[in-house]
């Protein structure tokens, strides 16, 4: 029994060491990414009217998604529009990159599309995921209702056969 206990304690110590090494590696690996992320958001002038309008658009779209959660057809239209917005992000980045002087104080629209991916496609994808999760919950609820109705129908049929 003592051998088993010592083997178990040795195993626990090894696992603890592995977890500590893994967490320190993850922290050191994510540090540069975190610094770039913070630098990216500090480089943006958030007081520009078009950026505040874009944020307002996302807040309004999220509110619409939340309040229309019972209307699956409308949500599917919003889902397709959100994915369409992501699909056309490259063209939108090119157009906005050519005309940035008319609405922005600096050119945010690089050829790789990092800015537009982060501030246009990212929130649209998050909203699309919210719609998708809501649709999956609605489908599960519908399957449960359908099965209950089927069981009631079968019970009625068997009850009528017994009479």
N, C-alpha and C. Protein backbone atom coordinates (compact mmCIF):
# COMPACT_ATOMS: atom_id res chain seq x y z
N UNK A 1 0.83 -1.19 0.00
CA UNK A 1 0.00 0.00 0.00
C UNK A 1 0.87 1.25 0.00
N UNK A 2 2.00 1.18 0.75
CA UNK A 2 2.90 2.33 0.79
C UNK A 2 3.54 2.59 -0.56
N UNK A 3 3.83 1.50 -1.30
CA UNK A 3 4.41 1.66 -2.63
C UNK A 3 3.42 2.36 -3.56
N UNK A 4 2.17 1.98 -3.47
CA UNK A 4 1.14 2.59 -4.28
C UNK A 4 0.98 4.07 -3.95
N UNK A 5 0.98 4.38 -2.67
CA UNK A 5 0.85 5.77 -2.23
C UNK A 5 2.03 6.61 -2.70
N UNK A 6 3.25 6.09 -2.59
CA UNK A 6 4.44 6.85 -3.02
C UNK A 6 4.44 7.02 -4.54
N UNK A 7 3.99 6.01 -5.29
CA UNK A 7 3.90 6.13 -6.75
C UNK A 7 2.86 7.18 -7.13
N UNK A 8 1.75 7.18 -6.41
CA UNK A 8 0.69 8.17 -6.66
C UNK A 8 1.20 9.58 -6.37
N UNK A 9 1.87 9.77 -5.25
CA UNK A 9 2.41 11.09 -4.89
C UNK A 9 3.46 11.54 -5.89
N UNK A 10 4.29 10.60 -6.36
CA UNK A 10 5.30 10.94 -7.36
C UNK A 10 4.63 11.37 -8.67
N UNK A 11 3.58 10.67 -9.04
CA UNK A 11 2.83 11.02 -10.24
C UNK A 11 2.19 12.41 -10.11
N UNK A 12 1.61 12.69 -8.97
CA UNK A 12 1.01 14.00 -8.72
C UNK A 12 2.07 15.09 -8.80
N UNK A 13 3.25 14.86 -8.24
CA UNK A 13 4.34 15.84 -8.32
C UNK A 13 4.76 16.08 -9.76
N UNK A 14 4.86 15.04 -10.55
CA UNK A 14 5.21 15.20 -11.96
C UNK A 14 4.16 15.99 -12.70
N UNK A 15 2.91 15.69 -12.45
CA UNK A 15 1.81 16.42 -13.11
C UNK A 15 1.82 17.89 -12.70
N UNK A 16 2.09 18.16 -11.44
CA UNK A 16 2.15 19.53 -10.96
C UNK A 16 3.28 20.28 -11.65
N UNK A 17 4.44 19.66 -11.79
CA UNK A 17 5.55 20.28 -12.49
C UNK A 17 5.21 20.56 -13.95
N UNK A 18 4.55 19.60 -14.60
CA UNK A 18 4.16 19.78 -16.00
C UNK A 18 3.18 20.95 -16.16
N UNK A 19 2.22 21.04 -15.26
CA UNK A 19 1.24 22.12 -15.33
C UNK A 19 1.92 23.47 -15.11
N UNK A 20 2.84 23.55 -14.17
CA UNK A 20 3.56 24.80 -13.93
C UNK A 20 4.41 25.19 -15.13
N UNK A 21 5.10 24.23 -15.74
CA UNK A 21 5.91 24.52 -16.92
C UNK A 21 5.03 24.96 -18.08
N UNK A 22 3.91 24.28 -18.27
CA UNK A 22 2.99 24.64 -19.35
C UNK A 22 2.43 26.04 -19.16
N UNK A 23 2.03 26.37 -17.94
CA UNK A 23 1.46 27.70 -17.70
C UNK A 23 2.51 28.79 -17.89
N UNK A 24 3.75 28.54 -17.48
CA UNK A 24 4.79 29.56 -17.69
C UNK A 24 5.12 29.71 -19.17
N UNK A 25 5.10 28.61 -19.92
CA UNK A 25 5.33 28.68 -21.37
C UNK A 25 4.20 29.44 -22.06
N UNK A 26 2.98 29.17 -21.66
CA UNK A 26 1.85 29.88 -22.25
C UNK A 26 1.91 31.37 -21.95
N UNK A 27 2.23 31.72 -20.70
CA UNK A 27 2.33 33.13 -20.34
C UNK A 27 3.42 33.83 -21.15
N UNK A 28 4.59 33.19 -21.27
CA UNK A 28 5.67 33.82 -22.02
C UNK A 28 5.37 33.85 -23.51
N UNK A 29 4.62 32.87 -24.01
CA UNK A 29 4.26 32.85 -25.43
C UNK A 29 3.19 33.86 -25.79
N UNK A 30 2.26 34.11 -24.88
CA UNK A 30 1.18 35.04 -25.16
C UNK A 30 1.55 36.49 -24.87
N UNK A 31 2.63 36.74 -24.19
CA UNK A 31 3.01 38.10 -23.83
C UNK A 31 3.21 39.00 -25.06
N UNK A 32 3.97 38.56 -26.09
CA UNK A 32 4.11 39.42 -27.27
C UNK A 32 2.79 39.66 -28.00
N UNK A 33 1.95 38.63 -28.07
CA UNK A 33 0.65 38.79 -28.72
C UNK A 33 -0.21 39.79 -27.95
N UNK A 34 -0.17 39.71 -26.64
CA UNK A 34 -0.93 40.65 -25.80
C UNK A 34 -0.43 42.08 -26.01
N UNK A 35 0.89 42.26 -26.08
CA UNK A 35 1.45 43.60 -26.29
C UNK A 35 1.07 44.15 -27.65
N UNK A 36 1.07 43.33 -28.68
CA UNK A 36 0.65 43.78 -30.01
C UNK A 36 -0.83 44.13 -30.02
N UNK A 37 -1.63 43.34 -29.32
CA UNK A 37 -3.07 43.58 -29.23
C UNK A 37 -3.35 44.93 -28.58
N UNK A 38 -2.67 45.20 -27.48
CA UNK A 38 -2.85 46.48 -26.78
C UNK A 38 -2.35 47.63 -27.64
N UNK A 39 -1.21 47.44 -28.29
CA UNK A 39 -0.67 48.48 -29.17
C UNK A 39 -1.60 48.79 -30.33
N UNK A 40 -2.23 47.75 -30.88
CA UNK A 40 -3.18 47.94 -31.98
C UNK A 40 -4.34 48.82 -31.56
N UNK A 41 -4.91 48.56 -30.40
CA UNK A 41 -6.07 49.33 -29.96
C UNK A 41 -5.70 50.72 -29.45
N UNK A 42 -4.45 50.91 -29.01
CA UNK A 42 -4.02 52.25 -28.62
C UNK A 42 -3.72 53.11 -29.85
N UNK A 43 -3.44 52.50 -30.99
CA UNK A 43 -3.12 53.25 -32.20
C UNK A 43 -4.36 53.81 -32.88
N UNK A 44 -5.52 53.35 -32.47
CA UNK A 44 -6.77 53.79 -33.10
C UNK A 44 -7.32 54.99 -32.35
N UNK A 45 -7.76 56.00 -33.10
CA UNK A 45 -8.43 57.16 -32.51
C UNK A 45 -9.91 56.84 -32.39
N UNK A 46 -10.32 56.43 -31.21
CA UNK A 46 -11.70 55.98 -30.99
C UNK A 46 -12.71 57.11 -30.97
N UNK A 47 -12.26 58.37 -31.04
CA UNK A 47 -13.20 59.49 -31.03
C UNK A 47 -13.64 59.89 -32.43
N UNK A 48 -13.16 59.20 -33.45
CA UNK A 48 -13.59 59.52 -34.81
C UNK A 48 -15.06 59.15 -34.97
N UNK A 49 -15.84 60.02 -35.62
CA UNK A 49 -17.29 59.78 -35.72
C UNK A 49 -17.65 58.48 -36.44
N UNK A 50 -16.91 58.12 -37.47
CA UNK A 50 -17.26 56.91 -38.19
C UNK A 50 -17.00 55.66 -37.36
N UNK A 51 -16.00 55.70 -36.48
CA UNK A 51 -15.76 54.56 -35.58
C UNK A 51 -16.84 54.47 -34.50
N UNK A 52 -17.24 55.62 -33.99
CA UNK A 52 -18.32 55.60 -33.00
C UNK A 52 -19.62 55.14 -33.65
N UNK A 53 -19.85 55.52 -34.90
CA UNK A 53 -21.02 55.04 -35.63
C UNK A 53 -20.97 53.54 -35.86
N UNK A 54 -19.78 53.02 -36.16
CA UNK A 54 -19.62 51.58 -36.36
C UNK A 54 -19.90 50.81 -35.07
N UNK A 55 -19.40 51.32 -33.96
CA UNK A 55 -19.67 50.68 -32.67
C UNK A 55 -21.16 50.76 -32.34
N UNK A 56 -21.77 51.91 -32.62
CA UNK A 56 -23.21 52.05 -32.41
C UNK A 56 -24.00 51.08 -33.28
N UNK A 57 -23.54 50.86 -34.51
CA UNK A 57 -24.18 49.90 -35.40
C UNK A 57 -24.14 48.50 -34.81
N UNK A 58 -22.98 48.13 -34.24
CA UNK A 58 -22.86 46.79 -33.66
C UNK A 58 -23.73 46.65 -32.41
N UNK A 59 -23.80 47.67 -31.61
CA UNK A 59 -24.64 47.62 -30.42
C UNK A 59 -26.11 47.47 -30.83
N UNK A 60 -26.52 48.25 -31.84
CA UNK A 60 -27.90 48.18 -32.31
C UNK A 60 -28.19 46.81 -32.93
N UNK A 61 -27.25 46.28 -33.70
CA UNK A 61 -27.44 44.96 -34.30
C UNK A 61 -27.53 43.88 -33.24
N UNK A 62 -26.72 43.97 -32.21
CA UNK A 62 -26.78 43.00 -31.12
C UNK A 62 -28.11 43.08 -30.37
N UNK A 63 -28.60 44.28 -30.15
CA UNK A 63 -29.92 44.44 -29.50
C UNK A 63 -31.02 43.84 -30.36
N UNK A 64 -30.94 44.08 -31.68
CA UNK A 64 -31.94 43.50 -32.59
C UNK A 64 -31.88 41.98 -32.55
N UNK A 65 -30.68 41.42 -32.53
CA UNK A 65 -30.52 39.97 -32.47
C UNK A 65 -31.11 39.42 -31.18
N UNK A 66 -30.87 40.09 -30.08
CA UNK A 66 -31.38 39.61 -28.79
C UNK A 66 -32.90 39.69 -28.73
N UNK A 67 -33.48 40.80 -29.19
CA UNK A 67 -34.93 40.94 -29.10
C UNK A 67 -35.68 40.13 -30.15
N UNK A 68 -35.01 39.73 -31.23
CA UNK A 68 -35.68 38.94 -32.26
C UNK A 68 -35.33 37.45 -32.15
N UNK A 69 -34.91 37.02 -30.98
CA UNK A 69 -34.44 35.64 -30.84
C UNK A 69 -35.54 34.60 -31.07
N UNK A 70 -36.80 34.98 -30.96
CA UNK A 70 -37.90 34.03 -31.18
C UNK A 70 -38.30 33.95 -32.66
N UNK A 71 -37.81 34.86 -33.48
CA UNK A 71 -38.17 34.92 -34.90
C UNK A 71 -37.01 34.36 -35.73
N UNK A 72 -37.06 33.07 -35.96
CA UNK A 72 -35.94 32.36 -36.58
C UNK A 72 -35.73 32.81 -38.03
N UNK A 73 -36.80 33.04 -38.78
CA UNK A 73 -36.64 33.46 -40.18
C UNK A 73 -35.93 34.81 -40.26
N UNK A 74 -36.32 35.74 -39.42
CA UNK A 74 -35.67 37.06 -39.40
C UNK A 74 -34.21 36.91 -38.98
N UNK A 75 -33.95 36.05 -38.02
CA UNK A 75 -32.58 35.85 -37.58
C UNK A 75 -31.74 35.19 -38.68
N UNK A 76 -32.33 34.32 -39.48
CA UNK A 76 -31.58 33.74 -40.59
C UNK A 76 -31.22 34.80 -41.62
N UNK A 77 -32.10 35.76 -41.83
CA UNK A 77 -31.77 36.89 -42.72
C UNK A 77 -30.61 37.69 -42.14
N UNK A 78 -30.66 37.98 -40.84
CA UNK A 78 -29.55 38.70 -40.21
C UNK A 78 -28.26 37.90 -40.28
N UNK A 79 -28.36 36.59 -40.10
CA UNK A 79 -27.20 35.71 -40.17
C UNK A 79 -26.56 35.78 -41.56
N UNK A 80 -27.39 35.70 -42.59
CA UNK A 80 -26.86 35.77 -43.96
C UNK A 80 -26.29 37.14 -44.27
N UNK A 81 -26.92 38.19 -43.78
CA UNK A 81 -26.38 39.54 -43.98
C UNK A 81 -25.04 39.71 -43.28
N UNK A 82 -24.92 39.18 -42.07
CA UNK A 82 -23.65 39.27 -41.34
C UNK A 82 -22.55 38.52 -42.07
N UNK A 83 -22.85 37.32 -42.53
CA UNK A 83 -21.85 36.56 -43.27
C UNK A 83 -21.55 37.20 -44.63
N UNK A 84 -22.54 37.84 -45.23
CA UNK A 84 -22.30 38.58 -46.46
C UNK A 84 -21.37 39.76 -46.23
N UNK A 85 -21.54 40.43 -45.08
CA UNK A 85 -20.63 41.52 -44.72
C UNK A 85 -19.20 41.04 -44.55
N UNK A 86 -19.04 39.85 -43.99
CA UNK A 86 -17.70 39.28 -43.85
C UNK A 86 -17.14 38.91 -45.22
N UNK A 87 -17.98 38.37 -46.08
CA UNK A 87 -17.54 37.97 -47.41
C UNK A 87 -17.04 39.17 -48.22
N UNK A 88 -17.72 40.29 -48.10
CA UNK A 88 -17.34 41.47 -48.88
C UNK A 88 -16.34 42.36 -48.16
N UNK A 89 -15.74 41.90 -47.09
CA UNK A 89 -14.80 42.72 -46.32
C UNK A 89 -13.56 43.09 -47.12
N UNK A 90 -13.08 42.20 -47.96
CA UNK A 90 -11.89 42.51 -48.75
C UNK A 90 -12.16 43.64 -49.73
N UNK A 91 -13.29 43.59 -50.41
CA UNK A 91 -13.65 44.67 -51.34
C UNK A 91 -13.88 45.97 -50.58
N UNK A 92 -14.54 45.86 -49.44
CA UNK A 92 -14.79 47.04 -48.62
C UNK A 92 -13.47 47.65 -48.14
N UNK A 93 -12.51 46.84 -47.77
CA UNK A 93 -11.20 47.33 -47.34
C UNK A 93 -10.51 48.08 -48.47
N UNK A 94 -10.60 47.56 -49.68
CA UNK A 94 -9.98 48.22 -50.83
C UNK A 94 -10.64 49.57 -51.11
N UNK A 95 -11.97 49.60 -51.09
CA UNK A 95 -12.69 50.84 -51.36
C UNK A 95 -12.41 51.87 -50.27
N UNK A 96 -12.47 51.45 -49.01
CA UNK A 96 -12.21 52.38 -47.91
C UNK A 96 -10.75 52.83 -47.90
N UNK A 97 -9.83 51.97 -48.30
CA UNK A 97 -8.42 52.35 -48.38
C UNK A 97 -8.17 53.41 -49.43
N UNK A 98 -8.95 53.39 -50.51
CA UNK A 98 -8.81 54.40 -51.56
C UNK A 98 -9.44 55.73 -51.17
N UNK A 99 -10.44 55.72 -50.30
CA UNK A 99 -11.20 56.93 -49.98
C UNK A 99 -11.11 57.33 -48.52
N UNK A 100 -10.09 56.93 -47.79
CA UNK A 100 -10.02 57.16 -46.36
C UNK A 100 -9.94 58.64 -45.99
N UNK A 101 -9.41 59.48 -46.87
CA UNK A 101 -9.25 60.91 -46.56
C UNK A 101 -10.58 61.63 -46.39
N UNK A 102 -11.63 61.08 -46.96
CA UNK A 102 -12.93 61.75 -46.88
C UNK A 102 -13.65 61.52 -45.55
N UNK A 103 -13.21 60.54 -44.75
CA UNK A 103 -13.93 60.28 -43.50
C UNK A 103 -13.03 59.98 -42.30
N UNK A 104 -11.73 59.77 -42.49
CA UNK A 104 -10.86 59.39 -41.37
C UNK A 104 -9.66 60.32 -41.30
N UNK A 105 -9.07 60.38 -40.12
CA UNK A 105 -7.89 61.23 -39.93
C UNK A 105 -6.60 60.51 -40.31
N UNK A 106 -6.61 59.18 -40.38
CA UNK A 106 -5.45 58.42 -40.81
C UNK A 106 -5.90 57.18 -41.57
N UNK A 107 -4.99 56.61 -42.36
CA UNK A 107 -5.33 55.45 -43.18
C UNK A 107 -5.20 54.18 -42.34
N UNK A 108 -6.34 53.66 -41.94
CA UNK A 108 -6.38 52.43 -41.15
C UNK A 108 -6.38 51.18 -42.04
N UNK A 109 -6.61 51.34 -43.31
CA UNK A 109 -6.93 50.22 -44.20
C UNK A 109 -5.69 49.73 -44.93
N UNK A 110 -4.95 48.84 -44.30
CA UNK A 110 -3.75 48.26 -44.88
C UNK A 110 -4.11 47.20 -45.92
N UNK A 111 -3.19 46.87 -46.82
CA UNK A 111 -3.50 45.88 -47.87
C UNK A 111 -3.85 44.50 -47.33
N UNK A 112 -3.34 44.13 -46.16
CA UNK A 112 -3.66 42.82 -45.58
C UNK A 112 -5.05 42.81 -44.94
N UNK A 113 -5.61 43.95 -44.65
CA UNK A 113 -6.96 44.02 -44.10
C UNK A 113 -7.06 43.72 -42.63
N UNK A 114 -5.99 43.92 -41.87
CA UNK A 114 -6.01 43.60 -40.44
C UNK A 114 -7.02 44.45 -39.69
N UNK A 115 -7.03 45.74 -39.96
CA UNK A 115 -7.94 46.65 -39.26
C UNK A 115 -9.38 46.28 -39.53
N UNK A 116 -9.71 46.08 -40.81
CA UNK A 116 -11.09 45.76 -41.14
C UNK A 116 -11.48 44.38 -40.63
N UNK A 117 -10.53 43.46 -40.59
CA UNK A 117 -10.84 42.13 -40.04
C UNK A 117 -11.17 42.23 -38.56
N UNK A 118 -10.43 43.06 -37.84
CA UNK A 118 -10.64 43.18 -36.40
C UNK A 118 -11.89 43.98 -36.06
N UNK A 119 -12.15 45.05 -36.81
CA UNK A 119 -13.26 45.92 -36.45
C UNK A 119 -14.51 45.75 -37.30
N UNK A 120 -14.45 45.01 -38.38
CA UNK A 120 -15.63 44.77 -39.20
C UNK A 120 -16.02 43.29 -39.15
N UNK A 121 -15.12 42.44 -39.60
CA UNK A 121 -15.44 41.01 -39.71
C UNK A 121 -15.56 40.33 -38.35
N UNK A 122 -14.70 40.70 -37.41
CA UNK A 122 -14.73 40.08 -36.09
C UNK A 122 -16.07 40.22 -35.38
N UNK A 123 -16.56 41.45 -35.21
CA UNK A 123 -17.87 41.59 -34.55
C UNK A 123 -19.02 40.95 -35.34
N UNK A 124 -18.95 41.01 -36.67
CA UNK A 124 -20.00 40.36 -37.46
C UNK A 124 -19.98 38.85 -37.25
N UNK A 125 -18.80 38.28 -37.15
CA UNK A 125 -18.72 36.83 -36.90
C UNK A 125 -19.22 36.48 -35.51
N UNK A 126 -18.94 37.32 -34.53
CA UNK A 126 -19.44 37.07 -33.17
C UNK A 126 -20.97 37.11 -33.17
N UNK A 127 -21.55 38.08 -33.85
CA UNK A 127 -23.01 38.17 -33.93
C UNK A 127 -23.58 36.97 -34.68
N UNK A 128 -22.90 36.53 -35.74
CA UNK A 128 -23.35 35.34 -36.48
C UNK A 128 -23.30 34.10 -35.59
N UNK A 129 -22.28 33.99 -34.76
CA UNK A 129 -22.18 32.85 -33.84
C UNK A 129 -23.31 32.89 -32.82
N UNK A 130 -23.64 34.07 -32.32
CA UNK A 130 -24.76 34.21 -31.37
C UNK A 130 -26.06 33.76 -32.03
N UNK A 131 -26.27 34.17 -33.28
CA UNK A 131 -27.48 33.76 -34.00
C UNK A 131 -27.48 32.24 -34.21
N UNK A 132 -26.34 31.68 -34.55
CA UNK A 132 -26.24 30.25 -34.77
C UNK A 132 -26.54 29.46 -33.50
N UNK A 133 -26.00 29.90 -32.38
CA UNK A 133 -26.27 29.23 -31.10
C UNK A 133 -27.75 29.32 -30.76
N UNK A 134 -28.36 30.49 -30.97
CA UNK A 134 -29.79 30.64 -30.71
C UNK A 134 -30.60 29.71 -31.61
N UNK A 135 -30.19 29.58 -32.86
CA UNK A 135 -30.90 28.69 -33.78
C UNK A 135 -30.78 27.24 -33.33
N UNK A 136 -29.61 26.84 -32.86
CA UNK A 136 -29.45 25.47 -32.38
C UNK A 136 -30.32 25.20 -31.16
N UNK A 137 -30.40 26.17 -30.24
CA UNK A 137 -31.28 26.00 -29.09
C UNK A 137 -32.74 25.91 -29.53
N UNK A 138 -33.14 26.73 -30.49
CA UNK A 138 -34.52 26.68 -30.99
C UNK A 138 -34.82 25.35 -31.65
N UNK A 139 -33.85 24.83 -32.40
CA UNK A 139 -34.06 23.53 -33.03
C UNK A 139 -34.17 22.41 -32.00
N UNK A 140 -33.36 22.47 -30.96
CA UNK A 140 -33.48 21.47 -29.90
C UNK A 140 -34.84 21.53 -29.23
N UNK A 141 -35.32 22.74 -28.96
CA UNK A 141 -36.64 22.91 -28.37
C UNK A 141 -37.72 22.37 -29.30
N UNK A 142 -37.56 22.62 -30.61
CA UNK A 142 -38.53 22.12 -31.58
C UNK A 142 -38.53 20.61 -31.65
N UNK A 143 -37.38 19.99 -31.58
CA UNK A 143 -37.29 18.53 -31.60
C UNK A 143 -37.97 17.95 -30.36
N UNK A 144 -37.78 18.57 -29.21
CA UNK A 144 -38.43 18.09 -27.98
C UNK A 144 -39.95 18.20 -28.11
N UNK A 145 -40.43 19.34 -28.65
CA UNK A 145 -41.88 19.49 -28.83
C UNK A 145 -42.42 18.45 -29.80
N UNK A 146 -41.70 18.20 -30.87
CA UNK A 146 -42.13 17.23 -31.86
C UNK A 146 -42.20 15.82 -31.27
N UNK A 147 -41.20 15.43 -30.51
CA UNK A 147 -41.19 14.11 -29.89
C UNK A 147 -42.31 13.98 -28.87
N UNK A 148 -42.56 15.02 -28.10
CA UNK A 148 -43.68 14.96 -27.13
C UNK A 148 -45.01 14.78 -27.86
N UNK A 149 -45.18 15.53 -28.95
CA UNK A 149 -46.43 15.40 -29.73
C UNK A 149 -46.54 14.00 -30.32
N UNK A 150 -45.44 13.45 -30.79
CA UNK A 150 -45.45 12.10 -31.33
C UNK A 150 -45.83 11.07 -30.26
N UNK A 151 -45.26 11.23 -29.06
CA UNK A 151 -45.59 10.31 -27.97
C UNK A 151 -47.05 10.44 -27.56
N UNK A 152 -47.57 11.68 -27.51
CA UNK A 152 -49.00 11.86 -27.20
C UNK A 152 -49.88 11.20 -28.26
N UNK A 153 -49.49 11.35 -29.52
CA UNK A 153 -50.25 10.77 -30.61
C UNK A 153 -50.25 9.24 -30.51
N UNK A 154 -49.10 8.66 -30.24
CA UNK A 154 -49.02 7.21 -30.08
C UNK A 154 -49.84 6.74 -28.88
N UNK A 155 -49.80 7.51 -27.80
CA UNK A 155 -50.60 7.14 -26.61
C UNK A 155 -52.08 7.20 -26.93
N UNK A 156 -52.51 8.21 -27.68
CA UNK A 156 -53.90 8.32 -28.06
C UNK A 156 -54.33 7.15 -28.94
N UNK A 157 -53.46 6.79 -29.89
CA UNK A 157 -53.77 5.67 -30.78
C UNK A 157 -53.89 4.36 -29.99
N UNK A 158 -52.96 4.13 -29.08
CA UNK A 158 -53.02 2.89 -28.28
C UNK A 158 -54.24 2.92 -27.35
N UNK A 159 -54.57 4.09 -26.83
CA UNK A 159 -55.74 4.20 -25.95
C UNK A 159 -57.02 3.94 -26.76
N UNK A 160 -57.10 4.44 -27.99
CA UNK A 160 -58.27 4.20 -28.83
C UNK A 160 -58.39 2.74 -29.24
N UNK A 161 -57.26 2.07 -29.46
CA UNK A 161 -57.29 0.64 -29.81
C UNK A 161 -57.78 -0.21 -28.64
N UNK A 162 -57.46 0.23 -27.42
CA UNK A 162 -57.89 -0.53 -26.25
C UNK A 162 -59.39 -0.41 -26.02
N UNK A 163 -59.96 0.70 -26.45
CA UNK A 163 -61.42 0.89 -26.26
C UNK A 163 -62.15 0.06 -27.25
